[in-house]
Amino acid sequence: MQNTCLSEAGWYSVCCRTDMARPEAPFGRIPQFKVGDKVFVAMLGPERGREGVVIHVTDHAGDFVHRYDVGFSDGTLKRYFGFEIDLVPT
């Protein structure tokens, strides 16, 4: 399979994560992140770079799109799609 992602546009980390594709399940059914993952807001805007922890992963509702509830150190909570967040580098 050829990599068709636009890495120079910043999409590589979203659409080409090697841990997303698993042979035992069709693409898209396995969440990108799990509870306890340290993530940062990757989307453009005032929250970009903000770090938090995934505290809940919603089941997809037939659309194969998971939503992630992220808790922040100031006690706030916000729901994101997988393309809006990314793992904090270790």
PDB file of N, CA and C in Angstrom:
ATOM      1  N   MET A   1       0.836  -1.171   0.000  1.00  0.00           N
ATOM      2  CA  MET A   1       0.000   0.000   0.000  1.00  0.00           C
ATOM      3  C   MET A   1       0.883   1.237   0.000  1.00  0.00           C
ATOM      4  N   GLN A   2       0.621   2.145  -0.904  1.00  0.00           N
ATOM      5  CA  GLN A   2       1.431   3.336  -1.036  1.00  0.00           C
ATOM      6  C   GLN A   2       0.970   4.411  -0.070  1.00  0.00           C
ATOM      7  N   ASN A   3       1.915   5.120   0.489  1.00  0.00           N
ATOM      8  CA  ASN A   3       1.602   6.205   1.405  1.00  0.00           C
ATOM      9  C   ASN A   3       1.162   7.412   0.594  1.00  0.00           C
ATOM     10  N   THR A   4      -0.093   7.807   0.740  1.00  0.00           N
ATOM     11  CA  THR A   4      -0.612   8.946  -0.003  1.00  0.00           C
ATOM     12  C   THR A   4      -0.836  10.153   0.883  1.00  0.00           C
ATOM     13  N   CYS A   5      -0.291  10.139   2.076  1.00  0.00           N
ATOM     14  CA  CYS A   5      -0.499  11.239   3.012  1.00  0.00           C
ATOM     15  C   CYS A   5       0.334  12.448   2.623  1.00  0.00           C
ATOM     16  N   LEU A   6      -0.130  13.596   3.017  1.00  0.00           N
ATOM     17  CA  LEU A   6       0.575  14.837   2.750  1.00  0.00           C
ATOM     18  C   LEU A   6       1.371  15.234   3.981  1.00  0.00           C
ATOM     19  N   SER A   7       2.524  14.582   4.166  1.00  0.00           N
ATOM     20  CA  SER A   7       3.299  14.833   5.373  1.00  0.00           C
ATOM     21  C   SER A   7       3.739  16.291   5.467  1.00  0.00           C
ATOM     22  N   GLU A   8       4.012  16.930   4.345  1.00  0.00           N
ATOM     23  CA  GLU A   8       4.435  18.313   4.398  1.00  0.00           C
ATOM     24  C   GLU A   8       3.295  19.237   4.827  1.00  0.00           C
ATOM     25  N   ALA A   9       2.053  18.783   4.719  1.00  0.00           N
ATOM     26  CA  ALA A   9       0.910  19.575   5.153  1.00  0.00           C
ATOM     27  C   ALA A   9       0.529  19.267   6.601  1.00  0.00           C
ATOM     28  N   GLY A  10       1.252  18.365   7.231  1.00  0.00           N
ATOM     29  CA  GLY A  10       0.987  18.049   8.627  1.00  0.00           C
ATOM     30  C   GLY A  10      -0.035  16.959   8.845  1.00  0.00           C
ATOM     31  N   TRP A  11      -0.469  16.287   7.794  1.00  0.00           N
ATOM     32  CA  TRP A  11      -1.488  15.254   7.939  1.00  0.00           C
ATOM     33  C   TRP A  11      -0.897  13.889   8.244  1.00  0.00           C
ATOM     34  N   TYR A  12       0.391  13.712   8.107  1.00  0.00           N
ATOM     35  CA  TYR A  12       0.985  12.385   8.284  1.00  0.00           C
ATOM     36  C   TYR A  12       0.654  11.781   9.636  1.00  0.00           C
ATOM     37  N   SER A  13       0.784  12.556  10.708  1.00  0.00           N
ATOM     38  CA  SER A  13       0.559  11.993  12.045  1.00  0.00           C
ATOM     39  C   SER A  13      -0.895  11.629  12.273  1.00  0.00           C
ATOM     40  N   VAL A  14      -1.797  12.170  11.471  1.00  0.00           N
ATOM     41  CA  VAL A  14      -3.215  11.884  11.640  1.00  0.00           C
ATOM     42  C   VAL A  14      -3.635  10.669  10.838  1.00  0.00           C
ATOM     43  N   CYS A  15      -3.310  10.637   9.560  1.00  0.00           N
ATOM     44  CA  CYS A  15      -3.865   9.585   8.715  1.00  0.00           C
ATOM     45  C   CYS A  15      -2.936   8.403   8.497  1.00  0.00           C
ATOM     46  N   CYS A  16      -1.704   8.485   8.894  1.00  0.00           N
ATOM     47  CA  CYS A  16      -0.767   7.402   8.603  1.00  0.00           C
ATOM     48  C   CYS A  16      -0.161   6.774   9.847  1.00  0.00           C
ATOM     49  N   ARG A  17      -0.844   6.875  10.954  1.00  0.00           N
ATOM     50  CA  ARG A  17      -0.331   6.271  12.181  1.00  0.00           C
ATOM     51  C   ARG A  17      -0.283   4.762  11.993  1.00  0.00           C
ATOM     52  N   THR A  18       0.872   4.182  12.213  1.00  0.00           N
ATOM     53  CA  THR A  18       1.015   2.747  12.000  1.00  0.00           C
ATOM     54  C   THR A  18       0.230   1.928  13.003  1.00  0.00           C
ATOM     55  N   ASP A  19      -0.078   2.491  14.179  1.00  0.00           N
ATOM     56  CA  ASP A  19      -0.805   1.723  15.178  1.00  0.00           C
ATOM     57  C   ASP A  19      -2.310   1.694  14.914  1.00  0.00           C
ATOM     58  N   MET A  20      -2.786   2.424  13.892  1.00  0.00           N
ATOM     59  CA  MET A  20      -4.216   2.425  13.591  1.00  0.00           C
ATOM     60  C   MET A  20      -4.632   1.191  12.791  1.00  0.00           C
ATOM     61  N   ALA A  21      -3.786   0.751  11.884  1.00  0.00           N
ATOM     62  CA  ALA A  21      -4.153  -0.361  11.022  1.00  0.00           C
ATOM     63  C   ALA A  21      -3.808  -1.678  11.703  1.00  0.00           C
ATOM     64  N   ARG A  22      -4.813  -2.470  11.954  1.00  0.00           N
ATOM     65  CA  ARG A  22      -4.610  -3.771  12.596  1.00  0.00           C
ATOM     66  C   ARG A  22      -5.320  -4.814  11.750  1.00  0.00           C
ATOM     67  N   PRO A  23      -4.655  -5.907  11.434  1.00  0.00           N
ATOM     68  CA  PRO A  23      -5.242  -6.894  10.537  1.00  0.00           C
ATOM     69  C   PRO A  23      -6.510  -7.559  11.061  1.00  0.00           C
ATOM     70  N   GLU A  24      -6.710  -7.587  12.384  1.00  0.00           N
ATOM     71  CA  GLU A  24      -7.864  -8.302  12.927  1.00  0.00           C
ATOM     72  C   GLU A  24      -9.152  -7.496  12.889  1.00  0.00           C
ATOM     73  N   ALA A  25      -9.098  -6.223  12.506  1.00  0.00           N
ATOM     74  CA  ALA A  25     -10.308  -5.401  12.461  1.00  0.00           C
ATOM     75  C   ALA A  25     -10.247  -4.465  11.257  1.00  0.00           C
ATOM     76  N   PRO A  26     -11.378  -4.167  10.664  1.00  0.00           N
ATOM     77  CA  PRO A  26     -11.385  -3.227   9.550  1.00  0.00           C
ATOM     78  C   PRO A  26     -10.864  -1.858   9.981  1.00  0.00           C
ATOM     79  N   PHE A  27     -10.238  -1.150   9.061  1.00  0.00           N
ATOM     80  CA  PHE A  27      -9.675   0.165   9.336  1.00  0.00           C
ATOM     81  C   PHE A  27     -10.722   1.094   9.930  1.00  0.00           C
ATOM     82  N   GLY A  28     -10.354   1.800  10.982  1.00  0.00           N
ATOM     83  CA  GLY A  28     -11.227   2.797  11.559  1.00  0.00           C
ATOM     84  C   GLY A  28     -12.023   2.341  12.768  1.00  0.00           C
ATOM     85  N   ARG A  29     -12.069   1.058  13.061  1.00  0.00           N
ATOM     86  CA  ARG A  29     -12.878   0.601  14.185  1.00  0.00           C
ATOM     87  C   ARG A  29     -12.136   0.641  15.509  1.00  0.00           C
ATOM     88  N   ILE A  30     -10.843   0.705  15.494  1.00  0.00           N
ATOM     89  CA  ILE A  30     -10.050   0.723  16.719  1.00  0.00           C
ATOM     90  C   ILE A  30      -9.697   2.175  17.032  1.00  0.00           C
ATOM     91  N   PRO A  31      -9.985   2.627  18.245  1.00  0.00           N
ATOM     92  CA  PRO A  31      -9.672   4.017  18.588  1.00  0.00           C
ATOM     93  C   PRO A  31      -8.183   4.324  18.456  1.00  0.00           C
ATOM     94  N   GLN A  32      -7.873   5.541  18.052  1.00  0.00           N
ATOM     95  CA  GLN A  32      -6.484   5.973  17.937  1.00  0.00           C
ATOM     96  C   GLN A  32      -5.829   6.112  19.296  1.00  0.00           C
ATOM     97  N   PHE A  33      -6.608   6.514  20.294  1.00  0.00           N
ATOM     98  CA  PHE A  33      -6.090   6.780  21.630  1.00  0.00           C
ATOM     99  C   PHE A  33      -6.869   5.964  22.645  1.00  0.00           C
ATOM    100  N   LYS A  34      -6.253   5.771  23.805  1.00  0.00           N
ATOM    101  CA  LYS A  34      -6.929   5.023  24.870  1.00  0.00           C
ATOM    102  C   LYS A  34      -6.930   5.870  26.142  1.00  0.00           C
ATOM    103  N   VAL A  35      -7.784   5.499  27.071  1.00  0.00           N
ATOM    104  CA  VAL A  35      -7.866   6.206  28.348  1.00  0.00           C
ATOM    105  C   VAL A  35      -6.482   6.193  29.004  1.00  0.00           C
ATOM    106  N   GLY A  36      -6.071   7.349  29.472  1.00  0.00           N
ATOM    107  CA  GLY A  36      -4.762   7.485  30.108  1.00  0.00           C
ATOM    108  C   GLY A  36      -3.685   8.037  29.196  1.00  0.00           C
ATOM    109  N   ASP A  37      -3.929   8.063  27.882  1.00  0.00           N
ATOM    110  CA  ASP A  37      -2.939   8.618  26.956  1.00  0.00           C
ATOM    111  C   ASP A  37      -2.778  10.110  27.198  1.00  0.00           C
ATOM    112  N   LYS A  38      -1.525  10.566  27.213  1.00  0.00           N
ATOM    113  CA  LYS A  38      -1.239  11.992  27.299  1.00  0.00           C
ATOM    114  C   LYS A  38      -1.257  12.537  25.877  1.00  0.00           C
ATOM    115  N   VAL A  39      -2.104  13.529  25.658  1.00  0.00           N
ATOM    116  CA  VAL A  39      -2.278  14.088  24.318  1.00  0.00           C
ATOM    117  C   VAL A  39      -2.136  15.606  24.357  1.00  0.00           C
ATOM    118  N   PHE A  40      -1.969  16.183  23.165  1.00  0.00           N
ATOM    119  CA  PHE A  40      -1.986  17.633  23.034  1.00  0.00           C
ATOM    120  C   PHE A  40      -2.933  18.006  21.917  1.00  0.00           C
ATOM    121  N   VAL A  41      -3.452  19.213  21.990  1.00  0.00           N
ATOM    122  CA  VAL A  41      -4.362  19.704  20.965  1.00  0.00           C
ATOM    123  C   VAL A  41      -3.527  20.075  19.745  1.00  0.00           C
ATOM    124  N   ALA A  42      -3.808  19.426  18.612  1.00  0.00           N
ATOM    125  CA  ALA A  42      -3.030  19.615  17.395  1.00  0.00           C
ATOM    126  C   ALA A  42      -3.719  20.524  16.386  1.00  0.00           C
ATOM    127  N   MET A  43      -4.998  20.813  16.600  1.00  0.00           N
ATOM    128  CA  MET A  43      -5.720  21.643  15.632  1.00  0.00           C
ATOM    129  C   MET A  43      -5.331  23.107  15.789  1.00  0.00           C
ATOM    130  N   LEU A  44      -5.522  23.870  14.727  1.00  0.00           N
ATOM    131  CA  LEU A  44      -5.235  25.293  14.772  1.00  0.00           C
ATOM    132  C   LEU A  44      -6.229  25.991  15.690  1.00  0.00           C
ATOM    133  N   GLY A  45      -5.771  27.009  16.352  1.00  0.00           N
ATOM    134  CA  GLY A  45      -6.635  27.782  17.226  1.00  0.00           C
ATOM    135  C   GLY A  45      -5.960  28.091  18.540  1.00  0.00           C
ATOM    136  N   PRO A  46      -6.683  28.754  19.416  1.00  0.00           N
ATOM    137  CA  PRO A  46      -6.086  29.191  20.692  1.00  0.00           C
ATOM    138  C   PRO A  46      -5.710  28.040  21.628  1.00  0.00           C
ATOM    139  N   GLU A  47      -6.285  26.861  21.435  1.00  0.00           N
ATOM    140  CA  GLU A  47      -5.968  25.725  22.311  1.00  0.00           C
ATOM    141  C   GLU A  47      -4.796  24.893  21.805  1.00  0.00           C
ATOM    142  N   ARG A  48      -4.285  25.201  20.632  1.00  0.00           N
ATOM    143  CA  ARG A  48      -3.196  24.422  20.031  1.00  0.00           C
ATOM    144  C   ARG A  48      -2.028  24.305  21.012  1.00  0.00           C
ATOM    145  N   GLY A  49      -1.552  23.074  21.200  1.00  0.00           N
ATOM    146  CA  GLY A  49      -0.417  22.818  22.085  1.00  0.00           C
ATOM    147  C   GLY A  49      -0.803  22.499  23.521  1.00  0.00           C
ATOM    148  N   ARG A  50      -2.052  22.742  23.871  1.00  0.00           N
ATOM    149  CA  ARG A  50      -2.515  22.454  25.236  1.00  0.00           C
ATOM    150  C   ARG A  50      -2.465  20.952  25.489  1.00  0.00           C
ATOM    151  N   GLU A  51      -1.927  20.556  26.635  1.00  0.00           N
ATOM    152  CA  GLU A  51      -1.775  19.136  26.952  1.00  0.00           C
ATOM    153  C   GLU A  51      -2.800  18.683  27.975  1.00  0.00           C
ATOM    154  N   GLY A  52      -3.242  17.439  27.802  1.00  0.00           N
ATOM    155  CA  GLY A  52      -4.195  16.847  28.725  1.00  0.00           C
ATOM    156  C   GLY A  52      -4.126  15.338  28.666  1.00  0.00           C
ATOM    157  N   VAL A  53      -5.091  14.686  29.290  1.00  0.00           N
ATOM    158  CA  VAL A  53      -5.132  13.225  29.361  1.00  0.00           C
ATOM    159  C   VAL A  53      -6.496  12.743  28.877  1.00  0.00           C
ATOM    160  N   VAL A  54      -6.494  11.704  28.041  1.00  0.00           N
ATOM    161  CA  VAL A  54      -7.752  11.114  27.588  1.00  0.00           C
ATOM    162  C   VAL A  54      -8.405  10.439  28.789  1.00  0.00           C
ATOM    163  N   ILE A  55      -9.623  10.847  29.111  1.00  0.00           N
ATOM    164  CA  ILE A  55     -10.314  10.257  30.257  1.00  0.00           C
ATOM    165  C   ILE A  55     -11.494   9.384  29.845  1.00  0.00           C
ATOM    166  N   HIS A  56     -11.921   9.506  28.577  1.00  0.00           N
ATOM    167  CA  HIS A  56     -13.021   8.675  28.093  1.00  0.00           C
ATOM    168  C   HIS A  56     -12.976   8.617  26.576  1.00  0.00           C
ATOM    169  N   VAL A  57     -13.227   7.422  26.035  1.00  0.00           N
ATOM    170  CA  VAL A  57     -13.323   7.233  24.590  1.00  0.00           C
ATOM    171  C   VAL A  57     -14.743   6.790  24.284  1.00  0.00           C
ATOM    172  N   THR A  58     -15.442   7.549  23.451  1.00  0.00           N
ATOM    173  CA  THR A  58     -16.807   7.164  23.099  1.00  0.00           C
ATOM    174  C   THR A  58     -16.774   6.082  22.031  1.00  0.00           C
ATOM    175  N   ASP A  59     -17.743   5.202  22.071  1.00  0.00           N
ATOM    176  CA  ASP A  59     -17.882   4.216  21.007  1.00  0.00           C
ATOM    177  C   ASP A  59     -18.344   4.934  19.756  1.00  0.00           C
ATOM    178  N   HIS A  60     -17.906   4.428  18.631  1.00  0.00           N
ATOM    179  CA  HIS A  60     -18.385   5.038  17.393  1.00  0.00           C
ATOM    180  C   HIS A  60     -19.858   4.672  17.215  1.00  0.00           C
ATOM    181  N   ALA A  61     -20.591   5.551  16.617  1.00  0.00           N
ATOM    182  CA  ALA A  61     -22.042   5.361  16.454  1.00  0.00           C
ATOM    183  C   ALA A  61     -22.365   4.909  15.040  1.00  0.00           C
ATOM    184  N   GLY A  62     -21.644   3.914  14.549  1.00  0.00           N
ATOM    185  CA  GLY A  62     -21.874   3.428  13.199  1.00  0.00           C
ATOM    186  C   GLY A  62     -21.124   4.210  12.147  1.00  0.00           C
ATOM    187  N   ASP A  63     -20.567   5.365  12.533  1.00  0.00           N
ATOM    188  CA  ASP A  63     -19.810   6.165  11.565  1.00  0.00           C
ATOM    189  C   ASP A  63     -18.311   5.902  11.671  1.00  0.00           C
ATOM    190  N   PHE A  64     -17.914   5.018  12.585  1.00  0.00           N
ATOM    191  CA  PHE A  64     -16.523   4.641  12.806  1.00  0.00           C
ATOM    192  C   PHE A  64     -15.654   5.819  13.219  1.00  0.00           C
ATOM    193  N   VAL A  65     -16.268   6.835  13.818  1.00  0.00           N
ATOM    194  CA  VAL A  65     -15.534   8.001  14.293  1.00  0.00           C
ATOM    195  C   VAL A  65     -15.649   8.038  15.813  1.00  0.00           C
ATOM    196  N   HIS A  66     -14.527   7.844  16.478  1.00  0.00           N
ATOM    197  CA  HIS A  66     -14.501   7.905  17.931  1.00  0.00           C
ATOM    198  C   HIS A  66     -14.335   9.350  18.377  1.00  0.00           C
ATOM    199  N   ARG A  67     -14.833   9.638  19.558  1.00  0.00           N
ATOM    200  CA  ARG A  67     -14.647  10.941  20.176  1.00  0.00           C
ATOM    201  C   ARG A  67     -13.882  10.721  21.477  1.00  0.00           C
ATOM    202  N   TYR A  68     -13.060  11.693  21.830  1.00  0.00           N
ATOM    203  CA  TYR A  68     -12.179  11.551  22.984  1.00  0.00           C
ATOM    204  C   TYR A  68     -12.412  12.700  23.954  1.00  0.00           C
ATOM    205  N   ASP A  69     -12.766  12.356  25.195  1.00  0.00           N
ATOM    206  CA  ASP A  69     -12.895  13.361  26.239  1.00  0.00           C
ATOM    207  C   ASP A  69     -11.533  13.542  26.870  1.00  0.00           C
ATOM    208  N   VAL A  70     -11.031  14.772  26.836  1.00  0.00           N
ATOM    209  CA  VAL A  70      -9.699  15.083  27.341  1.00  0.00           C
ATOM    210  C   VAL A  70      -9.840  15.996  28.554  1.00  0.00           C
ATOM    211  N   GLY A  71      -9.188  15.598  29.642  1.00  0.00           N
ATOM    212  CA  GLY A  71      -9.171  16.405  30.857  1.00  0.00           C
ATOM    213  C   GLY A  71      -7.876  17.181  30.941  1.00  0.00           C
ATOM    214  N   PHE A  72      -7.983  18.426  31.369  1.00  0.00           N
ATOM    215  CA  PHE A  72      -6.815  19.295  31.477  1.00  0.00           C
ATOM    216  C   PHE A  72      -6.499  19.581  32.941  1.00  0.00           C
ATOM    217  N   SER A  73      -5.273  20.034  33.200  1.00  0.00           N
ATOM    218  CA  SER A  73      -4.808  20.238  34.575  1.00  0.00           C
ATOM    219  C   SER A  73      -5.607  21.302  35.327  1.00  0.00           C
ATOM    220  N   ASP A  74      -6.283  22.191  34.598  1.00  0.00           N
ATOM    221  CA  ASP A  74      -7.088  23.217  35.277  1.00  0.00           C
ATOM    222  C   ASP A  74      -8.496  22.716  35.609  1.00  0.00           C
ATOM    223  N   GLY A  75      -8.739  21.426  35.346  1.00  0.00           N
ATOM    224  CA  GLY A  75     -10.023  20.823  35.673  1.00  0.00           C
ATOM    225  C   GLY A  75     -11.054  20.855  34.559  1.00  0.00           C
ATOM    226  N   THR A  76     -10.723  21.506  33.448  1.00  0.00           N
ATOM    227  CA  THR A  76     -11.669  21.558  32.338  1.00  0.00           C
ATOM    228  C   THR A  76     -11.637  20.259  31.547  1.00  0.00           C
ATOM    229  N   LEU A  77     -12.721  20.020  30.823  1.00  0.00           N
ATOM    230  CA  LEU A  77     -12.890  18.819  30.018  1.00  0.00           C
ATOM    231  C   LEU A  77     -13.426  19.241  28.667  1.00  0.00           C
ATOM    232  N   LYS A  78     -12.906  18.638  27.605  1.00  0.00           N
ATOM    233  CA  LYS A  78     -13.392  18.952  26.269  1.00  0.00           C
ATOM    234  C   LYS A  78     -13.353  17.694  25.416  1.00  0.00           C
ATOM    235  N   ARG A  79     -14.301  17.574  24.487  1.00  0.00           N
ATOM    236  CA  ARG A  79     -14.393  16.423  23.582  1.00  0.00           C
ATOM    237  C   ARG A  79     -13.762  16.781  22.234  1.00  0.00           C
ATOM    238  N   TYR A  80     -12.923  15.866  21.737  1.00  0.00           N
ATOM    239  CA  TYR A  80     -12.223  16.072  20.469  1.00  0.00           C
ATOM    240  C   TYR A  80     -12.400  14.860  19.566  1.00  0.00           C
ATOM    241  N   PHE A  81     -12.265  15.089  18.273  1.00  0.00           N
ATOM    242  CA  PHE A  81     -12.115  14.015  17.301  1.00  0.00           C
ATOM    243  C   PHE A  81     -10.644  13.646  17.267  1.00  0.00           C
ATOM    244  N   GLY A  82     -10.328  12.467  16.769  1.00  0.00           N
ATOM    245  CA  GLY A  82      -8.949  11.999  16.729  1.00  0.00           C
ATOM    246  C   GLY A  82      -8.011  12.883  15.932  1.00  0.00           C
ATOM    247  N   PHE A  83      -8.522  13.538  14.879  1.00  0.00           N
ATOM    248  CA  PHE A  83      -7.647  14.380  14.067  1.00  0.00           C
ATOM    249  C   PHE A  83      -7.320  15.723  14.734  1.00  0.00           C
ATOM    250  N   GLU A  84      -7.976  16.012  15.842  1.00  0.00           N
ATOM    251  CA  GLU A  84      -7.748  17.267  16.542  1.00  0.00           C
ATOM    252  C   GLU A  84      -6.703  17.151  17.634  1.00  0.00           C
ATOM    253  N   ILE A  85      -6.326  15.927  18.002  1.00  0.00           N
ATOM    254  CA  ILE A  85      -5.339  15.704  19.062  1.00  0.00           C
ATOM    255  C   ILE A  85      -4.258  14.744  18.578  1.00  0.00           C
ATOM    256  N   ASP A  86      -3.163  14.705  19.308  1.00  0.00           N
ATOM    257  CA  ASP A  86      -2.082  13.769  19.003  1.00  0.00           C
ATOM    258  C   ASP A  86      -1.374  13.410  20.309  1.00  0.00           C
ATOM    259  N   LEU A  87      -0.628  12.319  20.289  1.00  0.00           N
ATOM    260  CA  LEU A  87       0.102  11.889  21.488  1.00  0.00           C
ATOM    261  C   LEU A  87       1.223  12.852  21.823  1.00  0.00           C
ATOM    262  N   VAL A  88       1.418  13.096  23.114  1.00  0.00           N
ATOM    263  CA  VAL A  88       2.535  13.895  23.578  1.00  0.00           C
ATOM    264  C   VAL A  88       3.791  13.052  23.391  1.00  0.00           C
ATOM    265  N   PRO A  89       4.804  13.587  22.699  1.00  0.00           N
ATOM    266  CA  PRO A  89       6.049  12.818  22.516  1.00  0.00           C
ATOM    267  C   PRO A  89       6.684  12.473  23.851  1.00  0.00           C
ATOM    268  N   THR A  90       7.220  11.268  23.941  1.00  0.00           N
ATOM    269  CA  THR A  90       7.860  10.840  25.195  1.00  0.00           C
ATOM    270  C   THR A  90       9.358  10.943  25.101  1.00  0.00           C
TER     271      THR A  90
END
